[in-house]
Amino acid sequence: MATHPGGLSAPAAAPARATDGEDHDTVVRIRDLTRSFGGRDILDHLDLDLADNEFVALLGRSGSGKSTLLRALAGLDHDVAGGGEVGAPAEISVVFQDARLLPWKRVLDNVVLGLGGPGARARGSAALAEVGLEGRESAWPVELSGGEQQRVSLARSLVREPRLLLADEPFGALDALTRLRMHTLLRRLCARHRPAVLLVTHDVDEAIVLADRVLVLDHGRIAADVPVDLPQGRHHDSAAYGRLRTDLLAHLGVEADRTAPEETTA
């Protein structure tokens, strides 16, 4: 059973959904995954592996199948046409673009929604402190900014200690400065909790800044699988960053603005 961010369980995706593979370093193993809607193929015999504690960003044009893939992994795509094998852990959390907080519940109650047992509220308070919202347990969601609401959503997901965190454009609705702060926060939280992460984004720079590797989805298949190997750091003004950005944009059918500095030799 997959756990969505509210802590409730969702039935597994049909037709085949393993909970663990033989290789325990592999958290996600997808083979020959197909999904069709209205006679149109959205995912076309897709294969994908995610390793333990690996951060993977998924890019693609609108309609390329990014959200469909996440829904298949989360076990949320019921009564759809398709087949294939989806191997994923039982411990999954999902973060959406909309924080999806229940407005009639206070912040802490949103974080621990669906959690039972002793210590759940203490764990929820600790999770809020991790995202910088210590002392806001009794606030109503309407009292929070958009960035703060998304912090609550992150706390709600990570308090469950997922082995796999699925993030569907979680920062798409935030302003630029808030997004940068959320990038720093997410990197720190992932280093601490160590889930495997699959992040859907339309932002190439966000993908490069956050991910260990970047996938480009095109017509339902993985068109590019690019490691983020920037030995001098993820600095926007470096030549290596500029080349990687240009390469990813080319895979997306976009001609990059070639403003990154060229490497020089002495």
C-alpha atoms as a PDB file:
ATOM      1  CA  MET A   1       0.000   0.000   0.000  1.00  0.00           C
ATOM      2  CA  ALA A   2       1.275   3.482  -0.840  1.00  0.00           C
ATOM      3  CA  THR A   3       0.915   6.346   1.607  1.00  0.00           C
ATOM      4  CA  HIS A   4      -0.036   9.723   0.246  1.00  0.00           C
ATOM      5  CA  PRO A   5       0.946  12.938   2.082  1.00  0.00           C
ATOM      6  CA  GLY A   6      -2.170  12.912   4.226  1.00  0.00           C
ATOM      7  CA  GLY A   7      -1.103   9.590   5.681  1.00  0.00           C
ATOM      8  CA  LEU A   8      -3.944   7.594   4.126  1.00  0.00           C
ATOM      9  CA  SER A   9      -3.338   4.474   2.099  1.00  0.00           C
ATOM     10  CA  ALA A  10      -4.122   4.099  -1.569  1.00  0.00           C
ATOM     11  CA  PRO A  11      -4.568   0.822  -3.464  1.00  0.00           C
ATOM     12  CA  ALA A  12      -1.605  -0.256  -5.525  1.00  0.00           C
ATOM     13  CA  ALA A  13      -1.464   0.495  -9.231  1.00  0.00           C
ATOM     14  CA  ALA A  14      -2.638  -2.206 -11.617  1.00  0.00           C
ATOM     15  CA  PRO A  15      -1.661  -4.528 -13.021  1.00  0.00           C
ATOM     16  CA  ALA A  16       1.614  -5.481 -11.343  1.00  0.00           C
ATOM     17  CA  ARG A  17       3.130  -3.734  -8.379  1.00  0.00           C
ATOM     18  CA  ALA A  18       5.956  -5.283  -6.401  1.00  0.00           C
ATOM     19  CA  THR A  19       6.871  -3.955  -2.976  1.00  0.00           C
ATOM     20  CA  ASP A  20      10.546  -4.880  -3.060  1.00  0.00           C
ATOM     21  CA  GLY A  21      12.971  -6.194  -5.640  1.00  0.00           C
ATOM     22  CA  GLU A  22      15.867  -8.550  -5.084  1.00  0.00           C
ATOM     23  CA  ASP A  23      18.309  -5.647  -5.235  1.00  0.00           C
ATOM     24  CA  HIS A  24      17.757  -3.695  -2.023  1.00  0.00           C
ATOM     25  CA  ASP A  25      19.847  -0.784  -3.339  1.00  0.00           C
ATOM     26  CA  THR A  26      17.173  -0.263  -5.995  1.00  0.00           C
ATOM     27  CA  VAL A  27      14.133   1.513  -4.573  1.00  0.00           C
ATOM     28  CA  VAL A  28      12.167   1.803  -7.832  1.00  0.00           C
ATOM     29  CA  ARG A  29      12.154  -0.698 -10.673  1.00  0.00           C
ATOM     30  CA  ILE A  30       9.789  -0.053 -13.578  1.00  0.00           C
ATOM     31  CA  ARG A  31       9.663  -2.324 -16.577  1.00  0.00           C
ATOM     32  CA  ASP A  32       7.622  -2.038 -19.772  1.00  0.00           C
ATOM     33  CA  LEU A  33       5.175   0.452 -18.233  1.00  0.00           C
ATOM     34  CA  THR A  34       2.377   1.609 -20.520  1.00  0.00           C
ATOM     35  CA  ARG A  35      -0.525   3.948 -19.842  1.00  0.00           C
ATOM     36  CA  SER A  36      -3.160   5.103 -22.350  1.00  0.00           C
ATOM     37  CA  PHE A  37      -6.007   7.597 -22.085  1.00  0.00           C
ATOM     38  CA  GLY A  38      -8.654   8.069 -24.730  1.00  0.00           C
ATOM     39  CA  GLY A  39      -6.771   5.863 -27.153  1.00  0.00           C
ATOM     40  CA  ARG A  40      -3.580   7.941 -26.794  1.00  0.00           C
ATOM     41  CA  ASP A  41      -0.386   6.392 -25.415  1.00  0.00           C
ATOM     42  CA  ILE A  42       0.958   8.504 -22.532  1.00  0.00           C
ATOM     43  CA  LEU A  43       3.642   6.096 -21.296  1.00  0.00           C
ATOM     44  CA  ASP A  44       5.134   3.834 -23.945  1.00  0.00           C
ATOM     45  CA  HIS A  45       6.937   0.707 -22.612  1.00  0.00           C
ATOM     46  CA  LEU A  46       8.941   2.794 -20.150  1.00  0.00           C
ATOM     47  CA  ASP A  47      11.797   1.375 -18.038  1.00  0.00           C
ATOM     48  CA  LEU A  48      13.213   3.176 -15.003  1.00  0.00           C
ATOM     49  CA  ASP A  49      15.396   2.412 -11.958  1.00  0.00           C
ATOM     50  CA  LEU A  50      15.954   4.644  -8.923  1.00  0.00           C
ATOM     51  CA  ALA A  51      18.617   3.839  -6.346  1.00  0.00           C
ATOM     52  CA  ASP A  52      18.377   4.286  -2.613  1.00  0.00           C
ATOM     53  CA  ASN A  53      18.912   7.949  -1.621  1.00  0.00           C
ATOM     54  CA  GLU A  54      19.133   9.019  -5.278  1.00  0.00           C
ATOM     55  CA  PHE A  55      17.630  12.364  -6.287  1.00  0.00           C
ATOM     56  CA  VAL A  56      16.265  12.260  -9.837  1.00  0.00           C
ATOM     57  CA  ALA A  57      14.585  15.156 -11.637  1.00  0.00           C
ATOM     58  CA  LEU A  58      12.116  14.493 -14.440  1.00  0.00           C
ATOM     59  CA  LEU A  59      11.768  17.047 -17.235  1.00  0.00           C
ATOM     60  CA  GLY A  60       9.445  16.985 -20.203  1.00  0.00           C
ATOM     61  CA  ARG A  61       7.029  19.042 -22.223  1.00  0.00           C
ATOM     62  CA  SER A  62       3.409  19.300 -21.136  1.00  0.00           C
ATOM     63  CA  GLY A  63       1.618  16.045 -21.861  1.00  0.00           C
ATOM     64  CA  SER A  64       4.811  13.977 -21.986  1.00  0.00           C
ATOM     65  CA  GLY A  65       3.637  11.713 -19.160  1.00  0.00           C
ATOM     66  CA  LYS A  66       5.500  13.090 -16.129  1.00  0.00           C
ATOM     67  CA  SER A  67       2.544  13.249 -13.747  1.00  0.00           C
ATOM     68  CA  THR A  68       1.188   9.972 -15.133  1.00  0.00           C
ATOM     69  CA  LEU A  69       4.437   8.288 -14.157  1.00  0.00           C
ATOM     70  CA  LEU A  70       4.257   9.702 -10.631  1.00  0.00           C
ATOM     71  CA  ARG A  71       0.665   8.569 -10.249  1.00  0.00           C
ATOM     72  CA  ALA A  72       1.641   5.054 -11.341  1.00  0.00           C
ATOM     73  CA  LEU A  73       4.407   4.965  -8.738  1.00  0.00           C
ATOM     74  CA  ALA A  74       2.103   6.296  -6.028  1.00  0.00           C
ATOM     75  CA  GLY A  75      -0.599   3.763  -6.845  1.00  0.00           C
ATOM     76  CA  LEU A  76      -3.078   6.510  -7.725  1.00  0.00           C
ATOM     77  CA  ASP A  77      -3.866   5.633 -11.341  1.00  0.00           C
ATOM     78  CA  HIS A  78      -6.919   3.432 -10.947  1.00  0.00           C
ATOM     79  CA  ASP A  79      -9.025   2.076 -13.815  1.00  0.00           C
ATOM     80  CA  VAL A  80      -6.576   3.066 -16.538  1.00  0.00           C
ATOM     81  CA  ALA A  81      -5.538   1.182 -19.646  1.00  0.00           C
ATOM     82  CA  GLY A  82      -2.012  -0.129 -19.538  1.00  0.00           C
ATOM     83  CA  GLY A  83       0.371  -2.715 -18.219  1.00  0.00           C
ATOM     84  CA  GLY A  84       3.896  -3.342 -17.059  1.00  0.00           C
ATOM     85  CA  GLU A  85       5.677  -3.847 -13.750  1.00  0.00           C
ATOM     86  CA  VAL A  86       5.930  -1.130 -11.092  1.00  0.00           C
ATOM     87  CA  GLY A  87       8.265  -2.090  -8.264  1.00  0.00           C
ATOM     88  CA  ALA A  88       8.253   0.467  -5.465  1.00  0.00           C
ATOM     89  CA  PRO A  89       8.567   0.499  -1.659  1.00  0.00           C
ATOM     90  CA  ALA A  90       5.529   0.566   0.599  1.00  0.00           C
ATOM     91  CA  GLU A  91       6.734   3.775   2.253  1.00  0.00           C
ATOM     92  CA  ILE A  92       5.905   6.504  -0.277  1.00  0.00           C
ATOM     93  CA  SER A  93       4.996  10.149   0.276  1.00  0.00           C
ATOM     94  CA  VAL A  94       3.818  12.636  -2.341  1.00  0.00           C
ATOM     95  CA  VAL A  95       4.243  16.410  -2.411  1.00  0.00           C
ATOM     96  CA  PHE A  96       2.085  18.302  -4.903  1.00  0.00           C
ATOM     97  CA  GLN A  97       2.260  21.833  -6.311  1.00  0.00           C
ATOM     98  CA  ASP A  98      -0.743  22.662  -4.146  1.00  0.00           C
ATOM     99  CA  ALA A  99       0.071  22.089  -0.468  1.00  0.00           C
ATOM    100  CA  ARG A 100      -3.335  20.414  -0.048  1.00  0.00           C
ATOM    101  CA  LEU A 101      -3.745  21.300   3.614  1.00  0.00           C
ATOM    102  CA  LEU A 102      -7.121  20.771   5.227  1.00  0.00           C
ATOM    103  CA  PRO A 103      -8.304  24.313   6.076  1.00  0.00           C
ATOM    104  CA  TRP A 104     -10.395  23.153   9.039  1.00  0.00           C
ATOM    105  CA  LYS A 105      -7.403  21.540  10.762  1.00  0.00           C
ATOM    106  CA  ARG A 106      -4.542  23.321  12.445  1.00  0.00           C
ATOM    107  CA  VAL A 107      -0.994  22.981  11.150  1.00  0.00           C
ATOM    108  CA  LEU A 108       0.128  20.177  13.464  1.00  0.00           C
ATOM    109  CA  ASP A 109      -3.073  18.239  12.827  1.00  0.00           C
ATOM    110  CA  ASN A 110      -2.364  18.479   9.082  1.00  0.00           C
ATOM    111  CA  VAL A 111       1.157  17.156   9.581  1.00  0.00           C
ATOM    112  CA  VAL A 112       0.111  14.114  11.626  1.00  0.00           C
ATOM    113  CA  LEU A 113      -3.083  13.385   9.671  1.00  0.00           C
ATOM    114  CA  GLY A 114      -3.474   9.625   9.533  1.00  0.00           C
ATOM    115  CA  LEU A 115      -0.556   8.922  11.871  1.00  0.00           C
ATOM    116  CA  GLY A 116      -1.328   6.919  14.963  1.00  0.00           C
ATOM    117  CA  GLY A 117       0.485   5.628  17.975  1.00  0.00           C
ATOM    118  CA  PRO A 118       2.320   7.280  20.832  1.00  0.00           C
ATOM    119  CA  GLY A 119       4.639  10.119  19.976  1.00  0.00           C
ATOM    120  CA  ALA A 120       2.958  11.032  16.681  1.00  0.00           C
ATOM    121  CA  ARG A 121       2.334  14.631  17.678  1.00  0.00           C
ATOM    122  CA  ALA A 122       5.852  14.996  19.078  1.00  0.00           C
ATOM    123  CA  ARG A 123       7.224  13.712  15.770  1.00  0.00           C
ATOM    124  CA  GLY A 124       4.984  16.169  13.946  1.00  0.00           C
ATOM    125  CA  SER A 125       6.280  19.071  16.020  1.00  0.00           C
ATOM    126  CA  ALA A 126       9.855  17.976  15.351  1.00  0.00           C
ATOM    127  CA  ALA A 127       9.114  17.843  11.618  1.00  0.00           C
ATOM    128  CA  LEU A 128       7.719  21.367  11.724  1.00  0.00           C
ATOM    129  CA  ALA A 129      10.862  22.548  13.491  1.00  0.00           C
ATOM    130  CA  GLU A 130      12.939  20.929  10.713  1.00  0.00           C
ATOM    131  CA  VAL A 131      11.173  23.031   8.080  1.00  0.00           C
ATOM    132  CA  GLY A 132      11.503  26.246  10.102  1.00  0.00           C
ATOM    133  CA  LEU A 133       7.961  26.384  11.502  1.00  0.00           C
ATOM    134  CA  GLU A 134       8.640  25.701  15.156  1.00  0.00           C
ATOM    135  CA  GLY A 135       5.909  27.255  17.291  1.00  0.00           C
ATOM    136  CA  ARG A 136       3.342  27.332  14.475  1.00  0.00           C
ATOM    137  CA  GLU A 137       1.618  24.088  15.446  1.00  0.00           C
ATOM    138  CA  SER A 138      -1.643  25.818  16.371  1.00  0.00           C
ATOM    139  CA  ALA A 139      -1.824  28.112  13.335  1.00  0.00           C
ATOM    140  CA  TRP A 140      -4.543  27.693  10.731  1.00  0.00           C
ATOM    141  CA  PRO A 141      -3.402  27.067   7.135  1.00  0.00           C
ATOM    142  CA  VAL A 142      -4.991  30.352   6.007  1.00  0.00           C
ATOM    143  CA  GLU A 143      -2.596  32.199   8.316  1.00  0.00           C
ATOM    144  CA  LEU A 144       0.438  30.881   6.420  1.00  0.00           C
ATOM    145  CA  SER A 145       2.100  32.179   3.279  1.00  0.00           C
ATOM    146  CA  GLY A 146       2.341  29.962   0.202  1.00  0.00           C
ATOM    147  CA  GLY A 147       5.915  29.051   1.039  1.00  0.00           C
ATOM    148  CA  GLU A 148       5.005  28.226   4.631  1.00  0.00           C
ATOM    149  CA  GLN A 149       2.132  26.025   3.476  1.00  0.00           C
ATOM    150  CA  GLN A 150       4.517  24.086   1.252  1.00  0.00           C
ATOM    151  CA  ARG A 151       6.871  23.701   4.224  1.00  0.00           C
ATOM    152  CA  VAL A 152       4.002  22.106   6.118  1.00  0.00           C
ATOM    153  CA  SER A 153       3.451  19.792   3.154  1.00  0.00           C
ATOM    154  CA  LEU A 154       7.124  18.764   3.270  1.00  0.00           C
ATOM    155  CA  ALA A 155       6.907  18.169   7.009  1.00  0.00           C
ATOM    156  CA  ARG A 156       3.790  16.050   6.509  1.00  0.00           C
ATOM    157  CA  SER A 157       5.598  13.921   3.930  1.00  0.00           C
ATOM    158  CA  LEU A 158       8.917  13.488   5.712  1.00  0.00           C
ATOM    159  CA  VAL A 159       7.487  12.791   9.179  1.00  0.00           C
ATOM    160  CA  ARG A 160       6.506   9.415   7.703  1.00  0.00           C
ATOM    161  CA  GLU A 161      10.164   8.666   6.849  1.00  0.00           C
ATOM    162  CA  PRO A 162       9.407   7.558   3.284  1.00  0.00           C
ATOM    163  CA  ARG A 163      11.842   5.475   1.293  1.00  0.00           C
ATOM    164  CA  LEU A 164      10.516   7.227  -1.820  1.00  0.00           C
ATOM    165  CA  LEU A 165       9.467  10.873  -2.039  1.00  0.00           C
ATOM    166  CA  LEU A 166       7.496  11.855  -5.139  1.00  0.00           C
ATOM    167  CA  ALA A 167       7.349  15.604  -5.813  1.00  0.00           C
ATOM    168  CA  ASP A 168       5.079  16.937  -8.564  1.00  0.00           C
ATOM    169  CA  GLU A 169       6.242  20.512  -9.259  1.00  0.00           C
ATOM    170  CA  PRO A 170       6.161  21.354  -5.529  1.00  0.00           C
ATOM    171  CA  PHE A 171       7.605  24.847  -5.993  1.00  0.00           C
ATOM    172  CA  GLY A 172       5.854  25.811  -9.234  1.00  0.00           C
ATOM    173  CA  ALA A 173       3.448  28.254  -7.564  1.00  0.00           C
ATOM    174  CA  LEU A 174       6.077  30.049  -5.467  1.00  0.00           C
ATOM    175  CA  ASP A 175       7.896  33.276  -6.227  1.00  0.00           C
ATOM    176  CA  ALA A 176      11.555  33.139  -7.275  1.00  0.00           C
ATOM    177  CA  LEU A 177      13.123  33.985  -3.902  1.00  0.00           C
ATOM    178  CA  THR A 178      10.886  31.569  -2.016  1.00  0.00           C
ATOM    179  CA  ARG A 179      11.759  28.844  -4.525  1.00  0.00           C
ATOM    180  CA  LEU A 180      15.475  29.351  -3.876  1.00  0.00           C
ATOM    181  CA  ARG A 181      14.898  29.023  -0.131  1.00  0.00           C
ATOM    182  CA  MET A 182      12.827  25.887  -0.678  1.00  0.00           C
ATOM    183  CA  HIS A 183      15.593  24.374  -2.820  1.00  0.00           C
ATOM    184  CA  THR A 184      18.057  24.825   0.040  1.00  0.00           C
ATOM    185  CA  LEU A 185      15.562  23.396   2.522  1.00  0.00           C
ATOM    186  CA  LEU A 186      14.760  20.361   0.367  1.00  0.00           C
ATOM    187  CA  ARG A 187      18.437  19.533  -0.157  1.00  0.00           C
ATOM    188  CA  ARG A 188      19.031  19.725   3.593  1.00  0.00           C
ATOM    189  CA  LEU A 189      15.991  17.600   4.445  1.00  0.00           C
ATOM    190  CA  CYS A 190      16.875  14.953   1.872  1.00  0.00           C
ATOM    191  CA  ALA A 191      20.439  14.748   3.191  1.00  0.00           C
ATOM    192  CA  ARG A 192      19.017  14.153   6.665  1.00  0.00           C
ATOM    193  CA  HIS A 193      16.174  11.729   5.864  1.00  0.00           C
ATOM    194  CA  ARG A 194      17.792  10.099   2.811  1.00  0.00           C
ATOM    195  CA  PRO A 195      14.767   9.100   0.726  1.00  0.00           C
ATOM    196  CA  ALA A 196      14.990   8.394  -2.961  1.00  0.00           C
ATOM    197  CA  VAL A 197      13.373  11.376  -4.704  1.00  0.00           C
ATOM    198  CA  LEU A 198      11.651  11.703  -8.066  1.00  0.00           C
ATOM    199  CA  LEU A 199      10.970  15.380  -8.762  1.00  0.00           C
ATOM    200  CA  VAL A 200       8.792  16.492 -11.663  1.00  0.00           C
ATOM    201  CA  THR A 201       9.644  19.992 -12.807  1.00  0.00           C
ATOM    202  CA  HIS A 202       9.462  22.240 -15.872  1.00  0.00           C
ATOM    203  CA  ASP A 203      12.465  24.235 -14.634  1.00  0.00           C
ATOM    204  CA  VAL A 204      15.809  23.074 -16.057  1.00  0.00           C
ATOM    205  CA  ASP A 205      17.783  25.106 -13.518  1.00  0.00           C
ATOM    206  CA  GLU A 206      15.791  23.606 -10.648  1.00  0.00           C
ATOM    207  CA  ALA A 207      16.588  20.144 -11.976  1.00  0.00           C
ATOM    208  CA  ILE A 208      20.316  20.858 -12.194  1.00  0.00           C
ATOM    209  CA  VAL A 209      20.512  22.493  -8.771  1.00  0.00           C
ATOM    210  CA  LEU A 210      18.707  19.675  -6.956  1.00  0.00           C
ATOM    211  CA  ALA A 211      19.233  16.379  -8.765  1.00  0.00           C
ATOM    212  CA  ASP A 212      21.907  13.702  -9.022  1.00  0.00           C
ATOM    213  CA  ARG A 213      20.653  12.945 -12.521  1.00  0.00           C
ATOM    214  CA  VAL A 214      18.066  14.402 -14.853  1.00  0.00           C
ATOM    215  CA  LEU A 215      15.675  12.444 -17.056  1.00  0.00           C
ATOM    216  CA  VAL A 216      13.902  13.896 -20.071  1.00  0.00           C
ATOM    217  CA  LEU A 217      10.567  12.281 -20.892  1.00  0.00           C
ATOM    218  CA  ASP A 218       9.369  12.545 -24.479  1.00  0.00           C
ATOM    219  CA  HIS A 219       6.376  10.785 -26.023  1.00  0.00           C
ATOM    220  CA  GLY A 220       6.124   8.478 -23.047  1.00  0.00           C
ATOM    221  CA  ARG A 221       9.729   7.294 -23.078  1.00  0.00           C
ATOM    222  CA  ILE A 222      12.991   8.330 -21.423  1.00  0.00           C
ATOM    223  CA  ALA A 223      14.692  10.321 -24.171  1.00  0.00           C
ATOM    224  CA  ALA A 224      17.722  11.337 -22.099  1.00  0.00           C
ATOM    225  CA  ASP A 225      19.306  10.220 -18.833  1.00  0.00           C
ATOM    226  CA  VAL A 226      21.926  12.784 -17.844  1.00  0.00           C
ATOM    227  CA  PRO A 227      24.060  12.667 -14.681  1.00  0.00           C
ATOM    228  CA  VAL A 228      24.644  15.982 -12.918  1.00  0.00           C
ATOM    229  CA  ASP A 229      28.432  15.921 -12.613  1.00  0.00           C
ATOM    230  CA  LEU A 230      29.623  19.406 -11.717  1.00  0.00           C
ATOM    231  CA  PRO A 231      32.891  18.989  -9.783  1.00  0.00           C
ATOM    232  CA  GLN A 232      33.269  22.731  -9.204  1.00  0.00           C
ATOM    233  CA  GLY A 233      29.775  23.081  -7.743  1.00  0.00           C
ATOM    234  CA  ARG A 234      26.363  24.014  -9.087  1.00  0.00           C
ATOM    235  CA  HIS A 235      27.172  27.599  -9.945  1.00  0.00           C
ATOM    236  CA  HIS A 236      24.993  29.139 -12.623  1.00  0.00           C
ATOM    237  CA  ASP A 237      27.908  31.102 -14.086  1.00  0.00           C
ATOM    238  CA  SER A 238      30.238  28.125 -14.592  1.00  0.00           C
ATOM    239  CA  ALA A 239      30.976  26.757 -18.044  1.00  0.00           C
ATOM    240  CA  ALA A 240      30.116  23.188 -17.006  1.00  0.00           C
ATOM    241  CA  TYR A 241      26.727  24.304 -15.687  1.00  0.00           C
ATOM    242  CA  GLY A 242      26.059  26.186 -18.913  1.00  0.00           C
ATOM    243  CA  ARG A 243      26.909  23.167 -21.067  1.00  0.00           C
ATOM    244  CA  LEU A 244      24.652  20.887 -19.043  1.00  0.00           C
ATOM    245  CA  ARG A 245      21.813  23.399 -19.204  1.00  0.00           C
ATOM    246  CA  THR A 246      22.228  23.762 -22.967  1.00  0.00           C
ATOM    247  CA  ASP A 247      22.243  19.987 -23.400  1.00  0.00           C
ATOM    248  CA  LEU A 248      19.044  19.525 -21.390  1.00  0.00           C
ATOM    249  CA  LEU A 249      17.276  22.346 -23.205  1.00  0.00           C
ATOM    250  CA  ALA A 250      18.244  20.773 -26.525  1.00  0.00           C
ATOM    251  CA  HIS A 251      16.641  17.506 -25.432  1.00  0.00           C
ATOM    252  CA  LEU A 252      13.504  19.540 -24.706  1.00  0.00           C
ATOM    253  CA  GLY A 253      13.601  21.138 -28.151  1.00  0.00           C
ATOM    254  CA  VAL A 254      14.646  24.561 -26.876  1.00  0.00           C
ATOM    255  CA  GLU A 255      17.621  26.549 -28.116  1.00  0.00           C
ATOM    256  CA  ALA A 256      19.477  27.820 -25.068  1.00  0.00           C
ATOM    257  CA  ASP A 257      20.546  31.399 -24.510  1.00  0.00           C
ATOM    258  CA  ARG A 258      24.272  30.929 -24.775  1.00  0.00           C
ATOM    259  CA  THR A 259      25.344  33.306 -22.038  1.00  0.00           C
ATOM    260  CA  ALA A 260      27.436  30.873 -19.948  1.00  0.00           C
ATOM    261  CA  PRO A 261      31.137  31.734 -19.941  1.00  0.00           C
ATOM    262  CA  GLU A 262      33.473  29.632 -22.068  1.00  0.00           C
ATOM    263  CA  GLU A 263      36.376  27.832 -20.431  1.00  0.00           C
ATOM    264  CA  THR A 264      39.726  29.375 -21.221  1.00  0.00           C
ATOM    265  CA  THR A 265      43.165  27.831 -21.281  1.00  0.00           C
ATOM    266  CA  ALA A 266      46.332  29.506 -20.148  1.00  0.00           C
END
